[in-house]
């Protein structure tokens, strides 16, 4: 089965899952299983492409990529299911689930997200590889980065959850990896899909492979959602949302922002030139709290 055929089937599977989820959610007027069906959709695509792609068990590249993908998305499903259980509701859907068209749009967007993010893995599983093919240096590096990013994201999520459970000591989270990055979970999520896309290069025919280039939409969409889409990711966590910190502990939080990278875990961030923070480090001015202390 060609990559384009497998992509088409995956698009159909995703559309069916999300449409059925929407119809049930709209009928029940609930958003509680929105995120959960997103996680399940990922797992279905991973298992299906592994089974349909051919000679999966004999191809170490496919096995490695798919297993790490399934671990990554299984954690996402567990985390989102736990969060849905802990929360009494989801503010993203306030005034939305009552509107047929707007609620449908949310489910349609989730379908686009799941399908697009999965594209590099679908591409890897669609290509008939050589069972005797050895891992290249690129394969080893990119899969190692993928595995590291998954572990790092799980660590960040657990540390944040335990901190919340313990009563949010210190107002804002500075435990574990959160001392090194203000958003370590988002950093790890973006790193995952750049790593998988780079790994999938070995499944194509080189830089001229159009389908491989098409799969770059996976990390690009992840960055767009986490960096620029209102109501989620870095955009949601910054700007006006920082008022609670500047109202309760302005000096402490200003110091934390000054010395802590917005994404890339590191030490010595306070010594990074402002021009690099605003460009290479993605710490854009739009993330500042405009009614509070500014870092100009």
C-alpha atoms as a PDB file:
ATOM      1  CA  UNK A   1       0.000   0.000   0.000  1.00  0.00           C
ATOM      2  CA  UNK A   2       1.441   3.375  -1.027  1.00  0.00           C
ATOM      3  CA  UNK A   3       1.920   6.264   1.396  1.00  0.00           C
ATOM      4  CA  UNK A   4      -0.808   8.288  -0.341  1.00  0.00           C
ATOM      5  CA  UNK A   5      -3.301   5.402  -0.104  1.00  0.00           C
ATOM      6  CA  UNK A   6      -2.523   4.821   3.559  1.00  0.00           C
ATOM      7  CA  UNK A   7      -2.844   8.543   4.267  1.00  0.00           C
ATOM      8  CA  UNK A   8      -6.232   8.571   2.582  1.00  0.00           C
ATOM      9  CA  UNK A   9      -7.501   5.682   4.688  1.00  0.00           C
ATOM     10  CA  UNK A  10      -6.135   7.306   7.858  1.00  0.00           C
ATOM     11  CA  UNK A  11      -7.954  10.506   6.933  1.00  0.00           C
ATOM     12  CA  UNK A  12     -11.183   8.532   6.594  1.00  0.00           C
ATOM     13  CA  UNK A  13     -10.676   6.744   9.924  1.00  0.00           C
ATOM     14  CA  UNK A  14      -9.963  10.029  11.665  1.00  0.00           C
ATOM     15  CA  UNK A  15     -12.993  11.732  10.134  1.00  0.00           C
ATOM     16  CA  UNK A  16     -15.245   8.871  11.230  1.00  0.00           C
ATOM     17  CA  UNK A  17     -13.955   8.846  14.828  1.00  0.00           C
ATOM     18  CA  UNK A  18     -14.242  12.592  15.258  1.00  0.00           C
ATOM     19  CA  UNK A  19     -17.643  12.894  13.546  1.00  0.00           C
ATOM     20  CA  UNK A  20     -19.158  10.136  15.669  1.00  0.00           C
ATOM     21  CA  UNK A  21     -17.577  11.724  18.740  1.00  0.00           C
ATOM     22  CA  UNK A  22     -19.093  15.081  17.856  1.00  0.00           C
ATOM     23  CA  UNK A  23     -22.575  13.661  17.299  1.00  0.00           C
ATOM     24  CA  UNK A  24     -22.510  11.902  20.667  1.00  0.00           C
ATOM     25  CA  UNK A  25     -21.009  14.922  22.452  1.00  0.00           C
ATOM     26  CA  UNK A  26     -23.533  17.331  20.956  1.00  0.00           C
ATOM     27  CA  UNK A  27     -26.441  15.057  21.834  1.00  0.00           C
ATOM     28  CA  UNK A  28     -25.218  14.760  25.426  1.00  0.00           C
ATOM     29  CA  UNK A  29     -24.025  18.390  25.574  1.00  0.00           C
ATOM     30  CA  UNK A  30     -20.648  17.418  27.008  1.00  0.00           C
ATOM     31  CA  UNK A  31     -17.008  18.005  26.191  1.00  0.00           C
ATOM     32  CA  UNK A  32     -15.678  15.422  28.630  1.00  0.00           C
ATOM     33  CA  UNK A  33     -14.498  12.900  26.045  1.00  0.00           C
ATOM     34  CA  UNK A  34     -13.223  15.400  23.456  1.00  0.00           C
ATOM     35  CA  UNK A  35      -9.561  15.092  24.454  1.00  0.00           C
ATOM     36  CA  UNK A  36      -9.894  11.382  25.175  1.00  0.00           C
ATOM     37  CA  UNK A  37     -11.118  10.617  21.651  1.00  0.00           C
ATOM     38  CA  UNK A  38      -8.212  12.628  20.310  1.00  0.00           C
ATOM     39  CA  UNK A  39      -5.815  10.346  22.173  1.00  0.00           C
ATOM     40  CA  UNK A  40      -7.653   7.203  21.085  1.00  0.00           C
ATOM     41  CA  UNK A  41      -7.590   8.403  17.481  1.00  0.00           C
ATOM     42  CA  UNK A  42      -3.779   8.587  17.610  1.00  0.00           C
ATOM     43  CA  UNK A  43      -3.526   5.031  18.899  1.00  0.00           C
ATOM     44  CA  UNK A  44      -5.905   3.703  16.242  1.00  0.00           C
ATOM     45  CA  UNK A  45      -3.805   5.273  13.474  1.00  0.00           C
ATOM     46  CA  UNK A  46      -0.578   3.928  14.947  1.00  0.00           C
ATOM     47  CA  UNK A  47      -1.884   0.356  15.227  1.00  0.00           C
ATOM     48  CA  UNK A  48      -3.661   0.429  11.864  1.00  0.00           C
ATOM     49  CA  UNK A  49      -0.698   1.732   9.876  1.00  0.00           C
ATOM     50  CA  UNK A  50       1.580  -0.817  11.542  1.00  0.00           C
ATOM     51  CA  UNK A  51      -0.777  -3.621  10.521  1.00  0.00           C
ATOM     52  CA  UNK A  52      -1.564  -2.328   7.034  1.00  0.00           C
ATOM     53  CA  UNK A  53       1.864  -1.077   6.013  1.00  0.00           C
ATOM     54  CA  UNK A  54       3.333  -4.518   5.377  1.00  0.00           C
ATOM     55  CA  UNK A  55       6.349  -6.424   6.836  1.00  0.00           C
ATOM     56  CA  UNK A  56       6.078  -4.314   9.976  1.00  0.00           C
ATOM     57  CA  UNK A  57       7.519  -6.821  12.442  1.00  0.00           C
ATOM     58  CA  UNK A  58      10.544  -7.425  10.207  1.00  0.00           C
ATOM     59  CA  UNK A  59      11.402  -3.735   9.844  1.00  0.00           C
ATOM     60  CA  UNK A  60      13.284  -2.354  12.850  1.00  0.00           C
ATOM     61  CA  UNK A  61      12.720   1.240  11.730  1.00  0.00           C
ATOM     62  CA  UNK A  62       8.939   0.747  11.667  1.00  0.00           C
ATOM     63  CA  UNK A  63       8.857  -1.132  14.954  1.00  0.00           C
ATOM     64  CA  UNK A  64      10.939   1.454  16.796  1.00  0.00           C
ATOM     65  CA  UNK A  65       9.081   4.458  15.410  1.00  0.00           C
ATOM     66  CA  UNK A  66       5.617   2.985  15.995  1.00  0.00           C
ATOM     67  CA  UNK A  67       6.301   1.775  19.535  1.00  0.00           C
ATOM     68  CA  UNK A  68       7.637   5.144  20.680  1.00  0.00           C
ATOM     69  CA  UNK A  69       4.710   6.854  18.939  1.00  0.00           C
ATOM     70  CA  UNK A  70       2.234   4.599  20.754  1.00  0.00           C
ATOM     71  CA  UNK A  71       3.969   5.227  24.093  1.00  0.00           C
ATOM     72  CA  UNK A  72       3.842   8.966  23.462  1.00  0.00           C
ATOM     73  CA  UNK A  73       0.159   8.993  22.544  1.00  0.00           C
ATOM     74  CA  UNK A  74      -0.764   6.513  25.289  1.00  0.00           C
ATOM     75  CA  UNK A  75       0.671   8.919  27.815  1.00  0.00           C
ATOM     76  CA  UNK A  76      -1.294  11.738  26.178  1.00  0.00           C
ATOM     77  CA  UNK A  77      -4.477   9.684  26.495  1.00  0.00           C
ATOM     78  CA  UNK A  78      -3.796   8.834  30.157  1.00  0.00           C
ATOM     79  CA  UNK A  79      -2.943  12.424  31.015  1.00  0.00           C
ATOM     80  CA  UNK A  80      -5.958  13.892  29.227  1.00  0.00           C
ATOM     81  CA  UNK A  81      -8.285  11.300  30.760  1.00  0.00           C
ATOM     82  CA  UNK A  82      -6.934  12.150  34.222  1.00  0.00           C
ATOM     83  CA  UNK A  83      -7.308  15.872  33.556  1.00  0.00           C
ATOM     84  CA  UNK A  84     -10.879  15.418  32.329  1.00  0.00           C
ATOM     85  CA  UNK A  85     -11.639  13.498  35.516  1.00  0.00           C
ATOM     86  CA  UNK A  86     -10.051  16.131  37.760  1.00  0.00           C
ATOM     87  CA  UNK A  87     -11.782  19.094  36.125  1.00  0.00           C
ATOM     88  CA  UNK A  88     -15.465  19.799  36.527  1.00  0.00           C
ATOM     89  CA  UNK A  89     -15.489  21.269  33.024  1.00  0.00           C
ATOM     90  CA  UNK A  90     -13.395  22.727  30.227  1.00  0.00           C
ATOM     91  CA  UNK A  91     -13.517  26.507  29.808  1.00  0.00           C
ATOM     92  CA  UNK A  92     -12.598  26.175  26.125  1.00  0.00           C
ATOM     93  CA  UNK A  93     -16.140  24.971  25.479  1.00  0.00           C
ATOM     94  CA  UNK A  94     -17.990  27.634  27.441  1.00  0.00           C
ATOM     95  CA  UNK A  95     -20.699  28.871  25.093  1.00  0.00           C
ATOM     96  CA  UNK A  96     -19.439  26.530  22.368  1.00  0.00           C
ATOM     97  CA  UNK A  97     -21.023  23.130  22.855  1.00  0.00           C
ATOM     98  CA  UNK A  98     -24.487  24.628  22.587  1.00  0.00           C
ATOM     99  CA  UNK A  99     -23.733  25.789  19.038  1.00  0.00           C
ATOM    100  CA  UNK A 100     -23.904  22.985  16.470  1.00  0.00           C
ATOM    101  CA  UNK A 101     -21.621  24.730  13.972  1.00  0.00           C
ATOM    102  CA  UNK A 102     -18.981  25.964  16.414  1.00  0.00           C
ATOM    103  CA  UNK A 103     -18.858  22.685  18.332  1.00  0.00           C
ATOM    104  CA  UNK A 104     -18.503  20.804  15.057  1.00  0.00           C
ATOM    105  CA  UNK A 105     -15.613  23.098  14.118  1.00  0.00           C
ATOM    106  CA  UNK A 106     -13.764  22.124  17.317  1.00  0.00           C
ATOM    107  CA  UNK A 107     -14.096  18.448  16.452  1.00  0.00           C
ATOM    108  CA  UNK A 108     -13.083  19.124  12.854  1.00  0.00           C
ATOM    109  CA  UNK A 109      -9.976  20.925  14.077  1.00  0.00           C
ATOM    110  CA  UNK A 110      -9.107  17.966  16.296  1.00  0.00           C
ATOM    111  CA  UNK A 111      -9.403  15.660  13.276  1.00  0.00           C
ATOM    112  CA  UNK A 112      -6.982  17.867  11.333  1.00  0.00           C
ATOM    113  CA  UNK A 113      -4.614  17.938  14.301  1.00  0.00           C
ATOM    114  CA  UNK A 114      -4.541  14.158  14.863  1.00  0.00           C
ATOM    115  CA  UNK A 115      -4.186  13.343  11.173  1.00  0.00           C
ATOM    116  CA  UNK A 116      -1.479  15.924  10.504  1.00  0.00           C
ATOM    117  CA  UNK A 117       0.621  15.108  13.576  1.00  0.00           C
ATOM    118  CA  UNK A 118       0.556  11.396  12.665  1.00  0.00           C
ATOM    119  CA  UNK A 119       1.769  11.905   9.092  1.00  0.00           C
ATOM    120  CA  UNK A 120       5.489  11.111   9.601  1.00  0.00           C
ATOM    121  CA  UNK A 121       4.626   7.826  11.347  1.00  0.00           C
ATOM    122  CA  UNK A 122       2.131   6.925   8.613  1.00  0.00           C
ATOM    123  CA  UNK A 123       4.849   7.668   6.056  1.00  0.00           C
ATOM    124  CA  UNK A 124       7.358   5.394   7.819  1.00  0.00           C
ATOM    125  CA  UNK A 125       4.862   2.529   8.081  1.00  0.00           C
ATOM    126  CA  UNK A 126       3.746   2.863   4.456  1.00  0.00           C
ATOM    127  CA  UNK A 127       7.154   2.250   2.910  1.00  0.00           C
ATOM    128  CA  UNK A 128       8.316  -1.293   2.192  1.00  0.00           C
ATOM    129  CA  UNK A 129      11.764  -1.367   3.675  1.00  0.00           C
ATOM    130  CA  UNK A 130      14.667  -3.761   3.573  1.00  0.00           C
ATOM    131  CA  UNK A 131      14.570  -6.085   6.629  1.00  0.00           C
ATOM    132  CA  UNK A 132      18.362  -6.133   6.616  1.00  0.00           C
ATOM    133  CA  UNK A 133      18.698  -2.344   6.538  1.00  0.00           C
ATOM    134  CA  UNK A 134      20.899  -1.050   9.338  1.00  0.00           C
ATOM    135  CA  UNK A 135      20.048   2.005  11.375  1.00  0.00           C
ATOM    136  CA  UNK A 136      21.866   5.043  10.046  1.00  0.00           C
ATOM    137  CA  UNK A 137      23.437   7.638  12.303  1.00  0.00           C
ATOM    138  CA  UNK A 138      20.471   9.892  11.523  1.00  0.00           C
ATOM    139  CA  UNK A 139      18.052   7.128  12.529  1.00  0.00           C
ATOM    140  CA  UNK A 140      19.804   6.542  15.851  1.00  0.00           C
ATOM    141  CA  UNK A 141      20.038  10.238  16.708  1.00  0.00           C
ATOM    142  CA  UNK A 142      16.459  11.144  15.758  1.00  0.00           C
ATOM    143  CA  UNK A 143      14.857   8.145  17.453  1.00  0.00           C
ATOM    144  CA  UNK A 144      16.928   8.824  20.567  1.00  0.00           C
ATOM    145  CA  UNK A 145      15.711  12.416  20.538  1.00  0.00           C
ATOM    146  CA  UNK A 146      12.119  11.216  20.053  1.00  0.00           C
ATOM    147  CA  UNK A 147      12.380   8.842  23.019  1.00  0.00           C
ATOM    148  CA  UNK A 148      14.062  11.522  25.137  1.00  0.00           C
ATOM    149  CA  UNK A 149      11.320  14.045  24.308  1.00  0.00           C
ATOM    150  CA  UNK A 150       8.594  11.577  25.294  1.00  0.00           C
ATOM    151  CA  UNK A 151      10.291  10.827  28.622  1.00  0.00           C
ATOM    152  CA  UNK A 152      10.903  14.525  29.224  1.00  0.00           C
ATOM    153  CA  UNK A 153       7.256  15.418  28.572  1.00  0.00           C
ATOM    154  CA  UNK A 154       5.992  12.660  30.863  1.00  0.00           C
ATOM    155  CA  UNK A 155       8.387  13.869  33.575  1.00  0.00           C
ATOM    156  CA  UNK A 156       7.234  17.475  33.202  1.00  0.00           C
ATOM    157  CA  UNK A 157       3.553  16.520  33.305  1.00  0.00           C
ATOM    158  CA  UNK A 158       3.959  14.335  36.389  1.00  0.00           C
ATOM    159  CA  UNK A 159       6.028  16.919  38.241  1.00  0.00           C
ATOM    160  CA  UNK A 160       3.459  19.631  37.508  1.00  0.00           C
ATOM    161  CA  UNK A 161       0.542  17.373  38.509  1.00  0.00           C
ATOM    162  CA  UNK A 162       2.200  16.441  41.825  1.00  0.00           C
ATOM    163  CA  UNK A 163       2.937  20.106  42.497  1.00  0.00           C
ATOM    164  CA  UNK A 164      -0.715  20.997  41.915  1.00  0.00           C
ATOM    165  CA  UNK A 165      -1.858  18.115  44.119  1.00  0.00           C
ATOM    166  CA  UNK A 166       0.474  19.325  46.881  1.00  0.00           C
ATOM    167  CA  UNK A 167      -1.231  22.722  46.949  1.00  0.00           C
ATOM    168  CA  UNK A 168       0.703  24.792  44.378  1.00  0.00           C
ATOM    169  CA  UNK A 169       3.489  25.739  46.766  1.00  0.00           C
ATOM    170  CA  UNK A 170       5.150  28.965  45.652  1.00  0.00           C
ATOM    171  CA  UNK A 171       2.207  30.055  43.414  1.00  0.00           C
ATOM    172  CA  UNK A 172       3.983  29.113  40.176  1.00  0.00           C
ATOM    173  CA  UNK A 173       5.714  25.812  39.443  1.00  0.00           C
ATOM    174  CA  UNK A 174       9.496  25.666  39.860  1.00  0.00           C
ATOM    175  CA  UNK A 175       9.949  21.971  40.651  1.00  0.00           C
ATOM    176  CA  UNK A 176      12.135  19.606  38.644  1.00  0.00           C
ATOM    177  CA  UNK A 177      12.455  20.484  34.973  1.00  0.00           C
ATOM    178  CA  UNK A 178      10.232  23.527  35.515  1.00  0.00           C
ATOM    179  CA  UNK A 179      13.280  25.211  37.025  1.00  0.00           C
ATOM    180  CA  UNK A 180      14.951  25.026  33.617  1.00  0.00           C
ATOM    181  CA  UNK A 181      12.023  25.949  31.380  1.00  0.00           C
ATOM    182  CA  UNK A 182       8.757  27.817  31.831  1.00  0.00           C
ATOM    183  CA  UNK A 183       7.039  25.375  29.480  1.00  0.00           C
ATOM    184  CA  UNK A 184       9.060  22.126  29.391  1.00  0.00           C
ATOM    185  CA  UNK A 185       6.035  20.067  28.335  1.00  0.00           C
ATOM    186  CA  UNK A 186       5.471  22.204  25.228  1.00  0.00           C
ATOM    187  CA  UNK A 187       9.169  22.088  24.399  1.00  0.00           C
ATOM    188  CA  UNK A 188       9.103  18.291  24.533  1.00  0.00           C
ATOM    189  CA  UNK A 189       5.927  18.056  22.439  1.00  0.00           C
ATOM    190  CA  UNK A 190       7.439  20.161  19.652  1.00  0.00           C
ATOM    191  CA  UNK A 191      10.748  18.313  19.831  1.00  0.00           C
ATOM    192  CA  UNK A 192       8.981  14.962  19.373  1.00  0.00           C
ATOM    193  CA  UNK A 193       7.482  15.763  16.006  1.00  0.00           C
ATOM    194  CA  UNK A 194      10.605  17.394  14.595  1.00  0.00           C
ATOM    195  CA  UNK A 195      12.496  14.232  15.597  1.00  0.00           C
ATOM    196  CA  UNK A 196       9.942  11.884  14.003  1.00  0.00           C
ATOM    197  CA  UNK A 197       9.847  13.927  10.810  1.00  0.00           C
ATOM    198  CA  UNK A 198      13.660  13.878  10.595  1.00  0.00           C
ATOM    199  CA  UNK A 199      13.629  10.117  11.242  1.00  0.00           C
ATOM    200  CA  UNK A 200      11.130   9.547   8.426  1.00  0.00           C
ATOM    201  CA  UNK A 201      13.684  10.926   5.956  1.00  0.00           C
ATOM    202  CA  UNK A 202      15.285   7.466   5.886  1.00  0.00           C
ATOM    203  CA  UNK A 203      12.009   5.967   4.643  1.00  0.00           C
ATOM    204  CA  UNK A 204      11.864   8.203   1.583  1.00  0.00           C
ATOM    205  CA  UNK A 205      13.883   8.657  -1.566  1.00  0.00           C
ATOM    206  CA  UNK A 206      15.858  11.673  -0.413  1.00  0.00           C
ATOM    207  CA  UNK A 207      15.300  15.412  -0.421  1.00  0.00           C
ATOM    208  CA  UNK A 208      13.215  15.143  -3.569  1.00  0.00           C
ATOM    209  CA  UNK A 209      10.549  13.016  -1.891  1.00  0.00           C
ATOM    210  CA  UNK A 210       7.392  15.154  -1.962  1.00  0.00           C
ATOM    211  CA  UNK A 211       5.534  13.020   0.571  1.00  0.00           C
ATOM    212  CA  UNK A 212       8.362  13.386   3.077  1.00  0.00           C
ATOM    213  CA  UNK A 213       8.264  17.164   2.677  1.00  0.00           C
ATOM    214  CA  UNK A 214       4.478  17.071   3.041  1.00  0.00           C
ATOM    215  CA  UNK A 215       4.929  15.389   6.426  1.00  0.00           C
ATOM    216  CA  UNK A 216       6.751  18.473   7.732  1.00  0.00           C
ATOM    217  CA  UNK A 217       3.258  19.792   8.424  1.00  0.00           C
ATOM    218  CA  UNK A 218       3.365  17.655  11.590  1.00  0.00           C
ATOM    219  CA  UNK A 219       5.982  19.667  13.524  1.00  0.00           C
ATOM    220  CA  UNK A 220       4.900  22.935  11.905  1.00  0.00           C
ATOM    221  CA  UNK A 221       1.287  22.513  13.006  1.00  0.00           C
ATOM    222  CA  UNK A 222       2.448  21.550  16.501  1.00  0.00           C
ATOM    223  CA  UNK A 223       4.453  24.758  16.738  1.00  0.00           C
ATOM    224  CA  UNK A 224       1.582  26.817  15.371  1.00  0.00           C
ATOM    225  CA  UNK A 225      -0.855  25.424  17.928  1.00  0.00           C
ATOM    226  CA  UNK A 226       1.469  25.694  20.908  1.00  0.00           C
ATOM    227  CA  UNK A 227       3.044  29.051  20.056  1.00  0.00           C
ATOM    228  CA  UNK A 228       0.405  31.080  18.241  1.00  0.00           C
ATOM    229  CA  UNK A 229      -3.083  29.673  18.801  1.00  0.00           C
ATOM    230  CA  UNK A 230      -5.135  31.485  21.429  1.00  0.00           C
ATOM    231  CA  UNK A 231      -6.691  29.381  24.170  1.00  0.00           C
ATOM    232  CA  UNK A 232      -3.949  26.784  24.181  1.00  0.00           C
ATOM    233  CA  UNK A 233      -0.222  26.308  24.660  1.00  0.00           C
ATOM    234  CA  UNK A 234       2.146  29.181  25.309  1.00  0.00           C
ATOM    235  CA  UNK A 235      -0.402  31.766  24.174  1.00  0.00           C
ATOM    236  CA  UNK A 236      -2.900  30.637  26.800  1.00  0.00           C
ATOM    237  CA  UNK A 237      -0.336  30.476  29.593  1.00  0.00           C
ATOM    238  CA  UNK A 238       1.085  33.938  29.001  1.00  0.00           C
ATOM    239  CA  UNK A 239      -0.159  37.471  28.377  1.00  0.00           C
ATOM    240  CA  UNK A 240      -3.220  38.295  30.490  1.00  0.00           C
ATOM    241  CA  UNK A 241      -3.029  34.876  32.159  1.00  0.00           C
ATOM    242  CA  UNK A 242       0.068  36.059  34.026  1.00  0.00           C
ATOM    243  CA  UNK A 243      -1.977  38.556  36.045  1.00  0.00           C
ATOM    244  CA  UNK A 244      -2.383  36.051  38.894  1.00  0.00           C
ATOM    245  CA  UNK A 245       1.389  35.918  39.321  1.00  0.00           C
ATOM    246  CA  UNK A 246       2.041  39.626  39.044  1.00  0.00           C
ATOM    247  CA  UNK A 247      -0.786  40.292  41.501  1.00  0.00           C
ATOM    248  CA  UNK A 248       0.410  37.806  44.127  1.00  0.00           C
ATOM    249  CA  UNK A 249       4.207  37.652  43.744  1.00  0.00           C
ATOM    250  CA  UNK A 250       5.325  40.192  41.121  1.00  0.00           C
ATOM    251  CA  UNK A 251       9.008  40.368  42.021  1.00  0.00           C
ATOM    252  CA  UNK A 252       9.490  36.619  42.346  1.00  0.00           C
ATOM    253  CA  UNK A 253       7.755  35.886  39.079  1.00  0.00           C
ATOM    254  CA  UNK A 254       9.566  38.657  37.191  1.00  0.00           C
ATOM    255  CA  UNK A 255      12.859  37.166  38.396  1.00  0.00           C
ATOM    256  CA  UNK A 256      11.735  33.674  37.336  1.00  0.00           C
ATOM    257  CA  UNK A 257      10.872  34.864  33.816  1.00  0.00           C
ATOM    258  CA  UNK A 258      14.146  36.717  33.519  1.00  0.00           C
ATOM    259  CA  UNK A 259      16.289  33.705  34.392  1.00  0.00           C
ATOM    260  CA  UNK A 260      14.166  30.871  32.934  1.00  0.00           C
ATOM    261  CA  UNK A 261      13.875  30.020  29.250  1.00  0.00           C
ATOM    262  CA  UNK A 262      10.377  30.016  27.818  1.00  0.00           C
ATOM    263  CA  UNK A 263      10.928  26.616  26.132  1.00  0.00           C
ATOM    264  CA  UNK A 264      14.458  25.214  25.809  1.00  0.00           C
ATOM    265  CA  UNK A 265      15.586  23.787  29.180  1.00  0.00           C
ATOM    266  CA  UNK A 266      18.831  25.503  30.080  1.00  0.00           C
ATOM    267  CA  UNK A 267      20.812  27.386  32.698  1.00  0.00           C
ATOM    268  CA  UNK A 268      22.158  30.891  32.257  1.00  0.00           C
ATOM    269  CA  UNK A 269      19.151  32.188  30.338  1.00  0.00           C
ATOM    270  CA  UNK A 270      19.362  35.569  32.043  1.00  0.00           C
ATOM    271  CA  UNK A 271      22.657  36.173  30.220  1.00  0.00           C
ATOM    272  CA  UNK A 272      21.219  35.500  26.751  1.00  0.00           C
ATOM    273  CA  UNK A 273      21.028  38.740  24.691  1.00  0.00           C
ATOM    274  CA  UNK A 274      17.508  40.112  24.231  1.00  0.00           C
ATOM    275  CA  UNK A 275      17.720  39.859  20.445  1.00  0.00           C
ATOM    276  CA  UNK A 276      18.330  36.094  20.720  1.00  0.00           C
ATOM    277  CA  UNK A 277      15.497  35.687  23.221  1.00  0.00           C
ATOM    278  CA  UNK A 278      13.113  37.420  20.839  1.00  0.00           C
ATOM    279  CA  UNK A 279      14.197  35.290  17.862  1.00  0.00           C
ATOM    280  CA  UNK A 280      16.083  32.029  18.350  1.00  0.00           C
ATOM    281  CA  UNK A 281      14.580  31.287  21.776  1.00  0.00           C
ATOM    282  CA  UNK A 282      11.007  32.187  20.684  1.00  0.00           C
ATOM    283  CA  UNK A 283      10.434  34.354  23.774  1.00  0.00           C
ATOM    284  CA  UNK A 284       8.349  36.864  21.854  1.00  0.00           C
ATOM    285  CA  UNK A 285       7.062  40.172  23.165  1.00  0.00           C
ATOM    286  CA  UNK A 286       3.457  39.013  22.682  1.00  0.00           C
ATOM    287  CA  UNK A 287       3.961  36.632  25.616  1.00  0.00           C
ATOM    288  CA  UNK A 288       4.646  39.485  28.044  1.00  0.00           C
ATOM    289  CA  UNK A 289       2.113  40.642  30.596  1.00  0.00           C
ATOM    290  CA  UNK A 290       1.445  44.127  29.246  1.00  0.00           C
ATOM    291  CA  UNK A 291      -0.136  45.466  32.421  1.00  0.00           C
ATOM    292  CA  UNK A 292       2.756  44.382  34.577  1.00  0.00           C
ATOM    293  CA  UNK A 293       6.554  44.577  34.617  1.00  0.00           C
ATOM    294  CA  UNK A 294       8.020  44.376  31.147  1.00  0.00           C
ATOM    295  CA  UNK A 295      11.260  42.817  29.963  1.00  0.00           C
ATOM    296  CA  UNK A 296      12.395  45.220  27.271  1.00  0.00           C
END
